[in-house]
C-alpha atoms as a PDB file:
ATOM      1  CA  THR A   1       0.000   0.000   0.000  1.00  0.00           C
ATOM      2  CA  GLY A   2       2.763   2.430   0.948  1.00  0.00           C
ATOM      3  CA  LEU A   3       4.837   1.754  -2.143  1.00  0.00           C
ATOM      4  CA  HIS A   4       1.798   2.226  -4.379  1.00  0.00           C
ATOM      5  CA  THR A   5       1.139   5.549  -2.611  1.00  0.00           C
ATOM      6  CA  LEU A   6       4.735   6.598  -3.269  1.00  0.00           C
ATOM      7  CA  VAL A   7       4.578   5.696  -6.970  1.00  0.00           C
ATOM      8  CA  ASP A   8       1.235   7.481  -7.403  1.00  0.00           C
ATOM      9  CA  ASN A   9       2.477  10.706  -5.819  1.00  0.00           C
ATOM     10  CA  ILE A  10       5.973  11.299  -7.161  1.00  0.00           C
ATOM     11  CA  ASP A  11       6.598  13.866  -9.886  1.00  0.00           C
ATOM     12  CA  GLU A  12       7.078  12.897 -13.535  1.00  0.00           C
ATOM     13  CA  GLY A  13      10.745  13.910 -13.308  1.00  0.00           C
ATOM     14  CA  ASP A  14      11.428  11.555 -10.382  1.00  0.00           C
ATOM     15  CA  ARG A  15      12.893   8.080 -10.748  1.00  0.00           C
ATOM     16  CA  ILE A  16      12.482   4.978  -8.592  1.00  0.00           C
ATOM     17  CA  SER A  17      14.154   1.615  -8.613  1.00  0.00           C
ATOM     18  CA  ILE A  18      12.784  -1.335  -6.640  1.00  0.00           C
ATOM     19  CA  ILE A  19      15.153  -3.900  -5.178  1.00  0.00           C
ATOM     20  CA  SER A  20      14.047  -6.876  -3.108  1.00  0.00           C
ATOM     21  CA  PHE A  21      16.339  -8.904  -0.916  1.00  0.00           C
ATOM     22  CA  ASP A  22      16.187 -12.137   1.004  1.00  0.00           C
ATOM     23  CA  ASP A  23      18.709 -14.919   0.360  1.00  0.00           C
ATOM     24  CA  VAL A  24      19.216 -13.230  -3.024  1.00  0.00           C
ATOM     25  CA  VAL A  25      19.160  -9.576  -4.078  1.00  0.00           C
ATOM     26  CA  THR A  26      16.845  -8.915  -7.044  1.00  0.00           C
ATOM     27  CA  ILE A  27      16.432  -5.742  -9.060  1.00  0.00           C
ATOM     28  CA  ASP A  28      12.667  -5.867  -9.574  1.00  0.00           C
ATOM     29  CA  ALA A  29      12.420  -2.518 -11.379  1.00  0.00           C
ATOM     30  CA  PRO A  30      15.645  -0.812 -12.503  1.00  0.00           C
ATOM     31  CA  PHE A  31      15.875   2.936 -13.021  1.00  0.00           C
ATOM     32  CA  SER A  32      14.562   4.081 -16.387  1.00  0.00           C
ATOM     33  CA  ASP A  33      14.758   7.304 -18.368  1.00  0.00           C
ATOM     34  CA  THR A  34      11.052   7.935 -17.878  1.00  0.00           C
ATOM     35  CA  LEU A  35       8.670   7.291 -15.017  1.00  0.00           C
ATOM     36  CA  ASP A  36       6.680   4.155 -15.856  1.00  0.00           C
ATOM     37  CA  ARG A  37       4.107   3.983 -13.079  1.00  0.00           C
ATOM     38  CA  ALA A  38       2.400   0.881 -14.504  1.00  0.00           C
ATOM     39  CA  LYS A  39       5.685  -1.038 -14.544  1.00  0.00           C
ATOM     40  CA  LEU A  40       6.462   0.044 -10.977  1.00  0.00           C
ATOM     41  CA  HIS A  41       2.992  -0.985  -9.761  1.00  0.00           C
ATOM     42  CA  THR A  42       3.430  -4.375 -11.432  1.00  0.00           C
ATOM     43  CA  ALA A  43       6.818  -4.830  -9.729  1.00  0.00           C
ATOM     44  CA  ILE A  44       5.308  -3.886  -6.352  1.00  0.00           C
ATOM     45  CA  ASP A  45       2.428  -6.323  -6.834  1.00  0.00           C
ATOM     46  CA  GLY A  46       4.982  -9.054  -7.548  1.00  0.00           C
ATOM     47  CA  LEU A  47       6.853  -8.633  -4.259  1.00  0.00           C
ATOM     48  CA  GLN A  48       6.531 -11.724  -2.079  1.00  0.00           C
ATOM     49  CA  PRO A  49       8.325 -12.891   1.073  1.00  0.00           C
ATOM     50  CA  ARG A  50      10.723 -15.660   0.057  1.00  0.00           C
ATOM     51  CA  GLY A  51      13.594 -16.489   2.385  1.00  0.00           C
ATOM     52  CA  GLY A  52      16.150 -15.004   4.776  1.00  0.00           C
ATOM     53  CA  THR A  53      17.082 -11.348   5.116  1.00  0.00           C
ATOM     54  CA  ASN A  54      20.374 -10.219   3.570  1.00  0.00           C
ATOM     55  CA  ILE A  55      20.298  -6.623   4.762  1.00  0.00           C
ATOM     56  CA  TYR A  56      23.937  -5.918   3.948  1.00  0.00           C
ATOM     57  CA  GLU A  57      23.672  -6.909   0.282  1.00  0.00           C
ATOM     58  CA  GLY A  58      20.241  -5.353  -0.154  1.00  0.00           C
ATOM     59  CA  LEU A  59      21.500  -2.008   1.124  1.00  0.00           C
ATOM     60  CA  ARG A  60      24.747  -2.298  -0.828  1.00  0.00           C
ATOM     61  CA  GLN A  61      22.852  -2.869  -4.077  1.00  0.00           C
ATOM     62  CA  GLY A  62      20.535   0.080  -3.431  1.00  0.00           C
ATOM     63  CA  PHE A  63      23.414   2.415  -2.625  1.00  0.00           C
ATOM     64  CA  THR A  64      25.474   1.146  -5.565  1.00  0.00           C
ATOM     65  CA  MET A  65      22.610   1.699  -7.980  1.00  0.00           C
ATOM     66  CA  LEU A  66      22.166   5.294  -6.807  1.00  0.00           C
ATOM     67  CA  GLY A  67      25.922   5.846  -6.858  1.00  0.00           C
ATOM     68  CA  GLU A  68      25.985   5.104 -10.587  1.00  0.00           C
ATOM     69  CA  TYR A  69      24.149   8.333 -11.329  1.00  0.00           C
ATOM     70  CA  PRO A  70      26.008  11.657 -11.312  1.00  0.00           C
ATOM     71  CA  GLU A  71      25.069  14.238  -8.731  1.00  0.00           C
ATOM     72  CA  SER A  72      22.370  16.572  -9.878  1.00  0.00           C
ATOM     73  CA  VAL A  73      19.708  18.727  -8.352  1.00  0.00           C
ATOM     74  CA  ARG A  74      17.881  15.521  -7.483  1.00  0.00           C
ATOM     75  CA  GLN A  75      18.020  14.027  -4.071  1.00  0.00           C
ATOM     76  CA  ASN A  76      19.359  10.493  -4.003  1.00  0.00           C
ATOM     77  CA  ARG A  77      17.717   8.463  -1.248  1.00  0.00           C
ATOM     78  CA  VAL A  78      17.334   4.826  -0.328  1.00  0.00           C
ATOM     79  CA  ILE A  79      14.019   3.997   1.334  1.00  0.00           C
ATOM     80  CA  PHE A  80      14.684   0.776   3.183  1.00  0.00           C
ATOM     81  CA  LEU A  81      11.776  -1.446   4.280  1.00  0.00           C
ATOM     82  CA  SER A  82      12.696  -4.372   6.492  1.00  0.00           C
ATOM     83  CA  ASP A  83      12.219  -6.090   9.800  1.00  0.00           C
ATOM     84  CA  GLY A  84      15.897  -5.299  10.318  1.00  0.00           C
ATOM     85  CA  LEU A  85      16.671  -8.871  11.323  1.00  0.00           C
ATOM     86  CA  ALA A  86      19.760  -9.796   9.300  1.00  0.00           C
ATOM     87  CA  THR A  87      19.793 -13.579   8.893  1.00  0.00           C
ATOM     88  CA  VAL A  88      21.831 -14.132   5.708  1.00  0.00           C
ATOM     89  CA  GLY A  89      25.184 -12.819   4.468  1.00  0.00           C
ATOM     90  CA  ASP A  90      27.039 -10.314   6.615  1.00  0.00           C
ATOM     91  CA  THR A  91      24.792 -10.065   9.678  1.00  0.00           C
ATOM     92  CA  SER A  92      27.099  -7.828  11.716  1.00  0.00           C
ATOM     93  CA  GLN A  93      25.214  -4.715  12.790  1.00  0.00           C
ATOM     94  CA  ALA A  94      28.514  -2.799  12.947  1.00  0.00           C
ATOM     95  CA  ASN A  95      29.336  -3.753   9.343  1.00  0.00           C
ATOM     96  CA  ILE A  96      25.856  -2.858   8.113  1.00  0.00           C
ATOM     97  CA  LEU A  97      26.044   0.565   9.796  1.00  0.00           C
ATOM     98  CA  ALA A  98      29.577   1.129   8.428  1.00  0.00           C
ATOM     99  CA  LEU A  99      28.409   0.297   4.896  1.00  0.00           C
ATOM    100  CA  ALA A 100      25.582   2.799   5.189  1.00  0.00           C
ATOM    101  CA  ARG A 101      27.813   5.524   6.676  1.00  0.00           C
ATOM    102  CA  ASP A 102      30.259   5.165   3.777  1.00  0.00           C
ATOM    103  CA  TRP A 103      27.557   5.746   1.166  1.00  0.00           C
ATOM    104  CA  ILE A 104      25.840   8.458   3.191  1.00  0.00           C
ATOM    105  CA  ARG A 105      29.116  10.411   3.236  1.00  0.00           C
ATOM    106  CA  ARG A 106      28.893  10.374  -0.574  1.00  0.00           C
ATOM    107  CA  GLY A 107      25.582  12.219  -0.435  1.00  0.00           C
ATOM    108  CA  ILE A 108      23.021   9.416  -0.553  1.00  0.00           C
ATOM    109  CA  GLY A 109      20.286   9.685   2.078  1.00  0.00           C
ATOM    110  CA  LEU A 110      18.718   6.745   3.880  1.00  0.00           C
ATOM    111  CA  THR A 111      15.252   6.439   5.380  1.00  0.00           C
ATOM    112  CA  THR A 112      14.211   3.242   7.142  1.00  0.00           C
ATOM    113  CA  ILE A 113      10.765   1.778   7.602  1.00  0.00           C
ATOM    114  CA  GLY A 114      10.484  -1.022  10.141  1.00  0.00           C
ATOM    115  CA  VAL A 115       7.892  -3.725   9.617  1.00  0.00           C
ATOM    116  CA  GLY A 116       6.837  -6.707  11.702  1.00  0.00           C
ATOM    117  CA  ASN A 117       6.366  -7.151  15.416  1.00  0.00           C
ATOM    118  CA  ASP A 118       9.920  -8.361  16.057  1.00  0.00           C
ATOM    119  CA  PHE A 119      11.895  -5.859  13.997  1.00  0.00           C
ATOM    120  CA  ASP A 120      15.346  -4.662  15.086  1.00  0.00           C
ATOM    121  CA  VAL A 121      14.654  -1.145  16.332  1.00  0.00           C
ATOM    122  CA  GLN A 122      18.310  -0.434  17.121  1.00  0.00           C
ATOM    123  CA  LEU A 123      19.546  -1.223  13.604  1.00  0.00           C
ATOM    124  CA  MET A 124      16.715   0.468  11.735  1.00  0.00           C
ATOM    125  CA  ARG A 125      16.876   3.627  13.858  1.00  0.00           C
ATOM    126  CA  GLY A 126      20.691   3.667  13.708  1.00  0.00           C
ATOM    127  CA  LEU A 127      20.654   3.458   9.914  1.00  0.00           C
ATOM    128  CA  ALA A 128      18.196   6.347   9.628  1.00  0.00           C
ATOM    129  CA  GLU A 129      20.009   8.535  12.165  1.00  0.00           C
ATOM    130  CA  ASN A 130      23.235   8.129  10.217  1.00  0.00           C
ATOM    131  CA  GLY A 131      21.473   8.670   6.909  1.00  0.00           C
ATOM    132  CA  ALA A 132      19.984  12.153   7.112  1.00  0.00           C
ATOM    133  CA  GLY A 133      16.631  10.412   6.916  1.00  0.00           C
ATOM    134  CA  ASN A 134      13.621   9.432   8.910  1.00  0.00           C
ATOM    135  CA  TYR A 135      12.814   6.283  10.794  1.00  0.00           C
ATOM    136  CA  TYR A 136       9.303   4.863  10.829  1.00  0.00           C
ATOM    137  CA  PHE A 137       7.582   1.799  12.191  1.00  0.00           C
ATOM    138  CA  LEU A 138       4.534   0.421  10.411  1.00  0.00           C
ATOM    139  CA  GLU A 139       2.410  -0.958  13.212  1.00  0.00           C
ATOM    140  CA  ASP A 140      -0.255  -2.016  10.719  1.00  0.00           C
ATOM    141  CA  ALA A 141      -1.145  -1.827   7.032  1.00  0.00           C
ATOM    142  CA  ALA A 142      -3.282   1.269   7.572  1.00  0.00           C
ATOM    143  CA  ALA A 143      -0.199   3.273   8.561  1.00  0.00           C
ATOM    144  CA  ALA A 144       1.633   2.506   5.298  1.00  0.00           C
ATOM    145  CA  GLY A 145      -0.071   5.138   3.147  1.00  0.00           C
ATOM    146  CA  GLU A 146       0.406   7.809   5.799  1.00  0.00           C
ATOM    147  CA  VAL A 147       4.098   7.011   6.301  1.00  0.00           C
ATOM    148  CA  PHE A 148       4.892   7.130   2.601  1.00  0.00           C
ATOM    149  CA  THR A 149       2.957  10.370   2.168  1.00  0.00           C
ATOM    150  CA  GLU A 150       4.914  11.913   5.074  1.00  0.00           C
ATOM    151  CA  GLU A 151       8.214  10.654   3.693  1.00  0.00           C
ATOM    152  CA  LEU A 152       7.455  11.930   0.216  1.00  0.00           C
ATOM    153  CA  ASP A 153       6.718  15.372   1.648  1.00  0.00           C
ATOM    154  CA  PHE A 154       9.970  15.247   3.657  1.00  0.00           C
ATOM    155  CA  PHE A 155      12.380  14.234   0.949  1.00  0.00           C
ATOM    156  CA  MET A 156      10.823  16.319  -1.769  1.00  0.00           C
ATOM    157  CA  THR A 157      11.401  19.553   0.157  1.00  0.00           C
ATOM    158  CA  PRO A 158      14.599  19.344   2.208  1.00  0.00           C
ATOM    159  CA  LEU A 159      15.594  22.667   3.674  1.00  0.00           C
ATOM    160  CA  ALA A 160      19.171  21.799   4.616  1.00  0.00           C
ATOM    161  CA  LEU A 161      21.418  18.818   5.217  1.00  0.00           C
ATOM    162  CA  ASP A 162      24.730  18.408   7.061  1.00  0.00           C
ATOM    163  CA  ILE A 163      24.402  21.568   9.093  1.00  0.00           C
ATOM    164  CA  ASN A 164      26.989  22.305  11.760  1.00  0.00           C
ATOM    165  CA  ILE A 165      26.142  24.886  14.378  1.00  0.00           C
ATOM    166  CA  GLU A 166      28.703  26.222  16.789  1.00  0.00           C
ATOM    167  CA  ALA A 167      27.622  28.254  19.780  1.00  0.00           C
ATOM    168  CA  ILE A 168      30.051  30.065  22.025  1.00  0.00           C
ATOM    169  CA  ALA A 169      28.702  31.325  25.316  1.00  0.00           C
ATOM    170  CA  GLY A 170      29.654  34.800  26.324  1.00  0.00           C
ATOM    171  CA  SER A 171      31.527  35.487  29.511  1.00  0.00           C
ATOM    172  CA  GLY A 172      29.475  34.940  32.618  1.00  0.00           C
ATOM    173  CA  TRP A 173      27.475  32.080  31.157  1.00  0.00           C
END
């Protein structure tokens, strides 16, 4: 529901790729030169739970795909939906966070959306906090449309990123 909401509400100039991951990472809908909403909806409808959860490789593929495109006025962002329970591949939370930090330093944002009752809050929140993005938890299917609408509003109109503020107190304070 949330992904369909996202596809229905992005601008014609926006581009989305859909990557699924379990034991294997699959590019379900690669980036294209034009926005093909019907193709994206078909790819979303085809998503099915299959096996384990290879978070490391799923994230790596998403970041790598975005990294292939030159910087432009567009915002490059990975929206990561998962229960956050790495069960296949590199399952080290430290390694997963390090992978994300490396790509985030290159200017790719990361928003995480936790699903399932037993999701790994620490990993999903940690990824988002490092990624100049938001962290959400979908407690039920009804929340999906709202979360994706909120996220679309957020990443379509960023005001500033990577801000450093230094405050020096005057004497006597």
